[in-house]
Every structure is written in structure tokens, then in C-alpha cells.
Amino acid sequence: MNREKIKTAYIDYVLSNNEQPKSVYVFAKSLKLKEEEFYHYFNSFESIENGIWLDLIRQTADNVKSEEVYEGYSARERILSFFFTLIELMKAQRSFIIYSIKHSGKGFTTPGILEKAKEQFEGFALEVLSHGIENNEIVERKFISDRYKDALWLQFVFIVNFWINDISENFEKTDEAIEKGINVTLDLMSRGPIDNLLEYGKFLAQQGKNKIKFPFTA
């Protein structure tokens, strides 16, 4: 029995019983495995769930990157594509995702069942953000740019939670939430009035250092 079969058996068990197996020993025995064989792949039931979420994020990123049009996508389009693809993949595991989030005492916090998934997501996000900065789509801001990935993770948390509770036909409201949420987030990362204000502030500060006298005074 391999890693995937253990994952499948675990998902089937928790969805059938609405709880984790009583112990690794009992679970392994039901699969006709020696306990040490289970530990060859996972060190706990939590690590199985970590692996399931990690695989979901990894598969989403791989699917998006494999699209022929991906290289021509803007950062905004790459993030939107990621989340729309994520929702499509999650539909096949909806029952487990709902179980996993609702039965985890830590939910979306780390360390927890999303610890590895968060690391994988941030890796993808950093690639997209770097692409956006290189193409002047995203503004690199001192002390703030390093937090961009956190803003995208918050969108991940919001979107998954929204989808879990979405009762609209074919999850149409979730699609709307993705589009609105990502557009607002990327707008905040793009050049806007705040950047012009900061630059004006720097300009005035520099004039003060140079002690330039203005011809008119109030």
C-alpha cells in the first residue's frame, strides 16, 4: 500500500465516521498494514491532512502554470487563475475539506493542518508578486512589499471559508467573491494616490534638507 492509498482510506474513514480513527494501530490494522508501514509515509493523522492540503495547493499551482497562456498572464490574471482553479479542484473533495476545517481546533492558523499548504502557497505567491514587480504592475514599497504574500494568504482563507458556506448554484457567489477580492487586493498593490502622496512627502522633506527658500511666504 502506498501513500495515496493511505490518504484515500483516511478520507473514507473520517467522512464515514465523522471523526479520526481511534489510533494509528487500529487504522493500520484495518488496512492490513504493520504500524511501521504507516509511519513510513506519515507520522500522525494530522500529517495526512497536512499532506492532502499541500497536494491540493501544489496541484493547483502546477495546473495553472501548465496552461499555454500562463506566461503571457499578468500577476493579477495569474492569481485569479489560481483561485478559480483551486475552487474547481476543491469541488471533488468538498466533503473532506468541510470536515477538515470544521474539525481542526486550529483551523487556518499555523502550525496546523494548513502549515505545509501555506508554505507552498506563499512560494507560488512570491513568484507571481516578483513577476508583477518586474513588469511594473505591482509597486515595490519599503517595509510593505514583504507583507504582500500575507495579504494573498488572507484572501485564500477568506475564499475557502466563503466557498464552504456558499449555497449559490454552482458556487457562483464564490466566483464573484474571488474576482472582487483579488481585484481589490491587487489594486492596493498597484501604483495609486498613496504612492503619489509618499513621493510628494519625500520631495518636501528633501527641500527642507536642502534649505530651499520659497519666494512667497504666508
C-alpha atoms as a PDB file:
ATOM      1  CA  MET A   1       0.000   0.000   0.000  1.00  0.00           C
ATOM      2  CA  ASN A   2       1.365   3.417  -0.916  1.00  0.00           C
ATOM      3  CA  ARG A   3       0.924   6.975   0.304  1.00  0.00           C
ATOM      4  CA  GLU A   4      -2.096   7.720  -1.902  1.00  0.00           C
ATOM      5  CA  LYS A   5      -3.988   4.629  -0.754  1.00  0.00           C
ATOM      6  CA  ILE A   6      -3.459   5.553   2.903  1.00  0.00           C
ATOM      7  CA  LYS A   7      -4.753   9.061   2.192  1.00  0.00           C
ATOM      8  CA  THR A   8      -7.808   7.682   0.394  1.00  0.00           C
ATOM      9  CA  ALA A   9      -8.549   5.254   3.221  1.00  0.00           C
ATOM     10  CA  TYR A  10      -8.194   8.029   5.795  1.00  0.00           C
ATOM     11  CA  ILE A  11     -10.584  10.321   3.910  1.00  0.00           C
ATOM     12  CA  ASP A  12     -13.118   7.500   3.595  1.00  0.00           C
ATOM     13  CA  TYR A  13     -12.869   6.751   7.317  1.00  0.00           C
ATOM     14  CA  VAL A  14     -13.324  10.317   8.607  1.00  0.00           C
ATOM     15  CA  LEU A  15     -16.204  11.013   6.231  1.00  0.00           C
ATOM     16  CA  SER A  16     -17.928   7.770   7.181  1.00  0.00           C
ATOM     17  CA  ASN A  17     -17.398   8.177  10.927  1.00  0.00           C
ATOM     18  CA  ASN A  18     -17.158  11.968  11.295  1.00  0.00           C
ATOM     19  CA  GLU A  19     -14.017  11.545  13.392  1.00  0.00           C
ATOM     20  CA  GLN A  20     -10.434  10.340  13.134  1.00  0.00           C
ATOM     21  CA  PRO A  21      -9.568   6.670  13.737  1.00  0.00           C
ATOM     22  CA  LYS A  22      -9.036   5.799  17.405  1.00  0.00           C
ATOM     23  CA  SER A  23      -5.341   5.140  16.864  1.00  0.00           C
ATOM     24  CA  VAL A  24      -2.730   4.608  14.186  1.00  0.00           C
ATOM     25  CA  TYR A  25      -2.519   0.972  15.279  1.00  0.00           C
ATOM     26  CA  VAL A  26      -6.237   0.336  14.740  1.00  0.00           C
ATOM     27  CA  PHE A  27      -6.261   2.225  11.433  1.00  0.00           C
ATOM     28  CA  ALA A  28      -3.194   0.418  10.101  1.00  0.00           C
ATOM     29  CA  LYS A  29      -4.649  -2.924  11.159  1.00  0.00           C
ATOM     30  CA  SER A  30      -7.869  -2.215   9.256  1.00  0.00           C
ATOM     31  CA  LEU A  31      -5.711  -1.710   6.151  1.00  0.00           C
ATOM     32  CA  LYS A  32      -3.752  -4.880   6.864  1.00  0.00           C
ATOM     33  CA  LEU A  33      -0.630  -2.808   7.395  1.00  0.00           C
ATOM     34  CA  LYS A  34       2.029  -3.033  10.028  1.00  0.00           C
ATOM     35  CA  GLU A  35       2.136   0.111  12.115  1.00  0.00           C
ATOM     36  CA  GLU A  36       5.683   0.891  10.987  1.00  0.00           C
ATOM     37  CA  GLU A  37       4.499   0.848   7.361  1.00  0.00           C
ATOM     38  CA  PHE A  38       2.100   3.680   8.157  1.00  0.00           C
ATOM     39  CA  TYR A  39       4.917   5.704   9.729  1.00  0.00           C
ATOM     40  CA  HIS A  40       6.991   5.236   6.599  1.00  0.00           C
ATOM     41  CA  TYR A  41       4.633   7.748   4.942  1.00  0.00           C
ATOM     42  CA  PHE A  42       3.032   9.732   7.789  1.00  0.00           C
ATOM     43  CA  ASN A  43       3.839  10.373  11.426  1.00  0.00           C
ATOM     44  CA  SER A  44       0.243  11.141  12.507  1.00  0.00           C
ATOM     45  CA  PHE A  45      -3.279  11.640  11.229  1.00  0.00           C
ATOM     46  CA  GLU A  46      -2.622  15.398  11.246  1.00  0.00           C
ATOM     47  CA  SER A  47       0.280  14.855   8.868  1.00  0.00           C
ATOM     48  CA  ILE A  48      -2.113  13.081   6.473  1.00  0.00           C
ATOM     49  CA  GLU A  49      -4.362  16.141   6.430  1.00  0.00           C
ATOM     50  CA  ASN A  50      -1.341  18.394   6.035  1.00  0.00           C
ATOM     51  CA  GLY A  51      -0.339  16.296   3.038  1.00  0.00           C
ATOM     52  CA  ILE A  52      -3.803  16.456   1.487  1.00  0.00           C
ATOM     53  CA  TRP A  53      -3.888  20.251   1.699  1.00  0.00           C
ATOM     54  CA  LEU A  54      -0.301  20.514   0.468  1.00  0.00           C
ATOM     55  CA  ASP A  55      -1.093  18.342  -2.558  1.00  0.00           C
ATOM     56  CA  LEU A  56      -4.155  20.477  -3.306  1.00  0.00           C
ATOM     57  CA  ILE A  57      -2.136  23.704  -3.417  1.00  0.00           C
ATOM     58  CA  ARG A  58       0.690  22.073  -5.350  1.00  0.00           C
ATOM     59  CA  GLN A  59      -1.687  20.587  -7.949  1.00  0.00           C
ATOM     60  CA  THR A  60      -3.473  23.931  -8.329  1.00  0.00           C
ATOM     61  CA  ALA A  61      -0.208  25.767  -8.971  1.00  0.00           C
ATOM     62  CA  ASP A  62       1.005  23.070 -11.377  1.00  0.00           C
ATOM     63  CA  ASN A  63      -2.259  23.125 -13.339  1.00  0.00           C
ATOM     64  CA  VAL A  64      -2.192  26.904 -13.654  1.00  0.00           C
ATOM     65  CA  LYS A  65       1.460  27.013 -14.718  1.00  0.00           C
ATOM     66  CA  SER A  66       0.908  24.289 -17.317  1.00  0.00           C
ATOM     67  CA  GLU A  67      -1.574  26.430 -19.261  1.00  0.00           C
ATOM     68  CA  GLU A  68      -0.125  27.662 -22.568  1.00  0.00           C
ATOM     69  CA  VAL A  69      -1.319  31.211 -21.897  1.00  0.00           C
ATOM     70  CA  TYR A  70       0.214  31.382 -18.402  1.00  0.00           C
ATOM     71  CA  GLU A  71       3.477  33.041 -19.466  1.00  0.00           C
ATOM     72  CA  GLY A  72       1.516  35.878 -21.025  1.00  0.00           C
ATOM     73  CA  TYR A  73      -0.620  36.412 -17.934  1.00  0.00           C
ATOM     74  CA  SER A  74      -0.271  39.468 -15.735  1.00  0.00           C
ATOM     75  CA  ALA A  75       0.199  38.959 -11.995  1.00  0.00           C
ATOM     76  CA  ARG A  76      -3.488  39.707 -11.494  1.00  0.00           C
ATOM     77  CA  GLU A  77      -4.505  37.083 -14.065  1.00  0.00           C
ATOM     78  CA  ARG A  78      -2.167  34.504 -12.523  1.00  0.00           C
ATOM     79  CA  ILE A  79      -3.656  34.958  -9.058  1.00  0.00           C
ATOM     80  CA  LEU A  80      -7.216  34.906 -10.384  1.00  0.00           C
ATOM     81  CA  SER A  81      -6.451  31.757 -12.388  1.00  0.00           C
ATOM     82  CA  PHE A  82      -5.005  30.123  -9.275  1.00  0.00           C
ATOM     83  CA  PHE A  83      -8.122  30.701  -7.191  1.00  0.00           C
ATOM     84  CA  PHE A  84     -10.597  29.726  -9.905  1.00  0.00           C
ATOM     85  CA  THR A  85      -8.604  26.520 -10.461  1.00  0.00           C
ATOM     86  CA  LEU A  86      -8.422  25.896  -6.709  1.00  0.00           C
ATOM     87  CA  ILE A  87     -12.207  26.025  -6.404  1.00  0.00           C
ATOM     88  CA  GLU A  88     -12.628  23.561  -9.280  1.00  0.00           C
ATOM     89  CA  LEU A  89     -10.231  21.108  -7.632  1.00  0.00           C
ATOM     90  CA  MET A  90     -11.824  21.533  -4.208  1.00  0.00           C
ATOM     91  CA  LYS A  91     -15.251  20.576  -5.571  1.00  0.00           C
ATOM     92  CA  ALA A  92     -14.045  16.983  -5.879  1.00  0.00           C
ATOM     93  CA  GLN A  93     -13.079  16.988  -2.177  1.00  0.00           C
ATOM     94  CA  ARG A  94     -15.730  19.300  -0.745  1.00  0.00           C
ATOM     95  CA  SER A  95     -16.955  16.919   1.955  1.00  0.00           C
ATOM     96  CA  PHE A  96     -13.440  16.310   3.235  1.00  0.00           C
ATOM     97  CA  ILE A  97     -12.471  19.995   3.115  1.00  0.00           C
ATOM     98  CA  ILE A  98     -15.516  20.929   5.190  1.00  0.00           C
ATOM     99  CA  TYR A  99     -14.717  18.140   7.646  1.00  0.00           C
ATOM    100  CA  SER A 100     -11.035  19.086   7.838  1.00  0.00           C
ATOM    101  CA  ILE A 101     -11.624  22.780   8.555  1.00  0.00           C
ATOM    102  CA  LYS A 102     -14.510  22.304  10.969  1.00  0.00           C
ATOM    103  CA  HIS A 103     -12.830  19.533  12.977  1.00  0.00           C
ATOM    104  CA  SER A 104      -9.452  21.159  13.248  1.00  0.00           C
ATOM    105  CA  GLY A 105      -9.005  23.005  16.511  1.00  0.00           C
ATOM    106  CA  LYS A 106      -6.530  25.358  14.835  1.00  0.00           C
ATOM    107  CA  GLY A 107      -8.379  25.884  11.566  1.00  0.00           C
ATOM    108  CA  PHE A 108      -6.398  28.192   9.323  1.00  0.00           C
ATOM    109  CA  THR A 109      -3.754  29.038  11.930  1.00  0.00           C
ATOM    110  CA  THR A 110      -0.249  27.638  11.797  1.00  0.00           C
ATOM    111  CA  PRO A 111       1.194  25.329  12.805  1.00  0.00           C
ATOM    112  CA  GLY A 112      -1.818  23.241  11.927  1.00  0.00           C
ATOM    113  CA  ILE A 113      -3.331  21.243   9.093  1.00  0.00           C
ATOM    114  CA  LEU A 114      -2.507  24.040   6.621  1.00  0.00           C
ATOM    115  CA  GLU A 115       1.080  24.619   7.691  1.00  0.00           C
ATOM    116  CA  LYS A 116       2.679  22.949   4.653  1.00  0.00           C
ATOM    117  CA  ALA A 117      -0.035  24.230   2.312  1.00  0.00           C
ATOM    118  CA  LYS A 118       0.632  27.794   3.466  1.00  0.00           C
ATOM    119  CA  GLU A 119       4.339  27.423   2.717  1.00  0.00           C
ATOM    120  CA  GLN A 120       3.530  26.072  -0.754  1.00  0.00           C
ATOM    121  CA  PHE A 121       1.026  28.857  -1.411  1.00  0.00           C
ATOM    122  CA  GLU A 122       3.464  31.551  -0.310  1.00  0.00           C
ATOM    123  CA  GLY A 123       6.093  30.135  -2.657  1.00  0.00           C
ATOM    124  CA  PHE A 124       3.689  30.462  -5.583  1.00  0.00           C
ATOM    125  CA  ALA A 125       2.556  33.920  -4.431  1.00  0.00           C
ATOM    126  CA  LEU A 126       6.133  35.202  -4.208  1.00  0.00           C
ATOM    127  CA  GLU A 127       6.796  34.066  -7.792  1.00  0.00           C
ATOM    128  CA  VAL A 128       3.718  35.927  -9.025  1.00  0.00           C
ATOM    129  CA  LEU A 129       4.497  39.033  -6.985  1.00  0.00           C
ATOM    130  CA  SER A 130       8.063  39.095  -8.312  1.00  0.00           C
ATOM    131  CA  HIS A 131       6.678  38.857 -11.847  1.00  0.00           C
ATOM    132  CA  GLY A 132       4.304  41.732 -11.129  1.00  0.00           C
ATOM    133  CA  ILE A 133       7.055  43.942  -9.700  1.00  0.00           C
ATOM    134  CA  GLU A 134       9.344  43.256 -12.666  1.00  0.00           C
ATOM    135  CA  ASN A 135       6.564  44.288 -15.047  1.00  0.00           C
ATOM    136  CA  ASN A 136       5.655  47.397 -13.023  1.00  0.00           C
ATOM    137  CA  GLU A 137       2.196  46.007 -12.366  1.00  0.00           C
ATOM    138  CA  ILE A 138       2.899  45.855  -8.637  1.00  0.00           C
ATOM    139  CA  VAL A 139       4.672  48.612  -6.715  1.00  0.00           C
ATOM    140  CA  GLU A 140       7.598  47.650  -4.521  1.00  0.00           C
ATOM    141  CA  ARG A 141       7.166  49.546  -1.263  1.00  0.00           C
ATOM    142  CA  LYS A 142       9.666  49.663   1.589  1.00  0.00           C
ATOM    143  CA  PHE A 143       8.533  47.658   4.636  1.00  0.00           C
ATOM    144  CA  ILE A 144       5.245  46.812   2.892  1.00  0.00           C
ATOM    145  CA  SER A 145       6.157  44.618  -0.092  1.00  0.00           C
ATOM    146  CA  ASP A 146       7.232  41.790   2.214  1.00  0.00           C
ATOM    147  CA  ARG A 147       3.654  41.653   3.504  1.00  0.00           C
ATOM    148  CA  TYR A 148       2.014  41.268   0.089  1.00  0.00           C
ATOM    149  CA  LYS A 149       2.121  37.489   0.340  1.00  0.00           C
ATOM    150  CA  ASP A 150       0.306  37.703   3.683  1.00  0.00           C
ATOM    151  CA  ALA A 151      -2.469  39.724   2.042  1.00  0.00           C
ATOM    152  CA  LEU A 152      -2.874  36.996  -0.572  1.00  0.00           C
ATOM    153  CA  TRP A 153      -2.941  34.314   2.139  1.00  0.00           C
ATOM    154  CA  LEU A 154      -5.740  36.228   3.861  1.00  0.00           C
ATOM    155  CA  GLN A 155      -7.592  36.098   0.549  1.00  0.00           C
ATOM    156  CA  PHE A 156      -7.030  32.327   0.485  1.00  0.00           C
ATOM    157  CA  VAL A 157      -8.516  31.978   3.971  1.00  0.00           C
ATOM    158  CA  PHE A 158     -11.469  34.212   3.107  1.00  0.00           C
ATOM    159  CA  ILE A 159     -12.213  32.473  -0.203  1.00  0.00           C
ATOM    160  CA  VAL A 160     -12.080  28.933   1.217  1.00  0.00           C
ATOM    161  CA  ASN A 161     -14.321  29.942   4.133  1.00  0.00           C
ATOM    162  CA  PHE A 162     -16.712  31.704   1.750  1.00  0.00           C
ATOM    163  CA  TRP A 163     -16.852  28.648  -0.523  1.00  0.00           C
ATOM    164  CA  ILE A 164     -17.535  26.308   2.401  1.00  0.00           C
ATOM    165  CA  ASN A 165     -20.616  28.354   3.281  1.00  0.00           C
ATOM    166  CA  ASP A 166     -21.685  29.204  -0.276  1.00  0.00           C
ATOM    167  CA  ILE A 167     -25.147  27.855  -1.140  1.00  0.00           C
ATOM    168  CA  SER A 168     -25.476  29.564  -4.532  1.00  0.00           C
ATOM    169  CA  GLU A 169     -25.902  27.497  -7.686  1.00  0.00           C
ATOM    170  CA  ASN A 170     -22.559  26.121  -8.901  1.00  0.00           C
ATOM    171  CA  PHE A 171     -20.903  28.368  -6.282  1.00  0.00           C
ATOM    172  CA  GLU A 172     -21.445  31.447  -8.442  1.00  0.00           C
ATOM    173  CA  LYS A 173     -21.128  33.744  -5.416  1.00  0.00           C
ATOM    174  CA  THR A 174     -17.680  32.325  -4.709  1.00  0.00           C
ATOM    175  CA  ASP A 175     -16.568  33.218  -8.244  1.00  0.00           C
ATOM    176  CA  GLU A 176     -17.818  36.747  -7.620  1.00  0.00           C
ATOM    177  CA  ALA A 177     -16.022  36.888  -4.263  1.00  0.00           C
ATOM    178  CA  ILE A 178     -12.766  35.779  -5.905  1.00  0.00           C
ATOM    179  CA  GLU A 179     -12.960  38.400  -8.633  1.00  0.00           C
ATOM    180  CA  LYS A 180     -13.842  41.256  -6.307  1.00  0.00           C
ATOM    181  CA  GLY A 181     -11.421  40.265  -3.539  1.00  0.00           C
ATOM    182  CA  ILE A 182      -8.389  39.685  -5.761  1.00  0.00           C
ATOM    183  CA  ASN A 183      -9.012  42.823  -7.814  1.00  0.00           C
ATOM    184  CA  VAL A 184      -9.185  44.965  -4.672  1.00  0.00           C
ATOM    185  CA  THR A 185      -6.057  43.324  -3.249  1.00  0.00           C
ATOM    186  CA  LEU A 186      -4.068  43.792  -6.459  1.00  0.00           C
ATOM    187  CA  ASP A 187      -5.331  47.363  -6.804  1.00  0.00           C
ATOM    188  CA  LEU A 188      -3.829  48.114  -3.384  1.00  0.00           C
ATOM    189  CA  MET A 189      -0.520  46.651  -4.558  1.00  0.00           C
ATOM    190  CA  SER A 190      -0.530  48.779  -7.706  1.00  0.00           C
ATOM    191  CA  ARG A 191       0.502  52.405  -8.056  1.00  0.00           C
ATOM    192  CA  GLY A 192      -2.140  54.778  -6.753  1.00  0.00           C
ATOM    193  CA  PRO A 193      -2.748  58.079  -4.939  1.00  0.00           C
ATOM    194  CA  ILE A 194      -0.937  56.825  -1.836  1.00  0.00           C
ATOM    195  CA  ASP A 195       2.284  56.444  -3.825  1.00  0.00           C
ATOM    196  CA  ASN A 196       1.985  59.959  -5.225  1.00  0.00           C
ATOM    197  CA  LEU A 197       1.439  61.256  -1.685  1.00  0.00           C
ATOM    198  CA  LEU A 198       4.501  59.434  -0.373  1.00  0.00           C
ATOM    199  CA  GLU A 199       6.651  60.742  -3.205  1.00  0.00           C
ATOM    200  CA  TYR A 200       5.406  64.268  -2.581  1.00  0.00           C
ATOM    201  CA  GLY A 201       6.259  63.871   1.094  1.00  0.00           C
ATOM    202  CA  LYS A 202       9.781  62.742   0.200  1.00  0.00           C
ATOM    203  CA  PHE A 203      10.134  65.703  -2.136  1.00  0.00           C
ATOM    204  CA  LEU A 204       9.118  68.184   0.561  1.00  0.00           C
ATOM    205  CA  ALA A 205      11.437  66.536   3.067  1.00  0.00           C
ATOM    206  CA  GLN A 206      14.335  66.816   0.612  1.00  0.00           C
ATOM    207  CA  GLN A 207      13.614  70.502   0.075  1.00  0.00           C
ATOM    208  CA  GLY A 208      13.788  71.004   3.813  1.00  0.00           C
ATOM    209  CA  LYS A 209      17.200  69.309   3.933  1.00  0.00           C
ATOM    210  CA  ASN A 210      18.442  71.499   1.107  1.00  0.00           C
ATOM    211  CA  LYS A 211      17.036  74.556   2.883  1.00  0.00           C
ATOM    212  CA  ILE A 212      15.466  75.889  -0.291  1.00  0.00           C
ATOM    213  CA  LYS A 213      13.631  79.136   0.367  1.00  0.00           C
ATOM    214  CA  PHE A 214      10.291  79.652  -1.301  1.00  0.00           C
ATOM    215  CA  PRO A 215       9.718  83.063  -2.905  1.00  0.00           C
ATOM    216  CA  PHE A 216       6.393  83.532  -1.170  1.00  0.00           C
ATOM    217  CA  THR A 217       5.515  83.117   2.490  1.00  0.00           C
ATOM    218  CA  ALA A 218       2.140  83.186   4.182  1.00  0.00           C
END
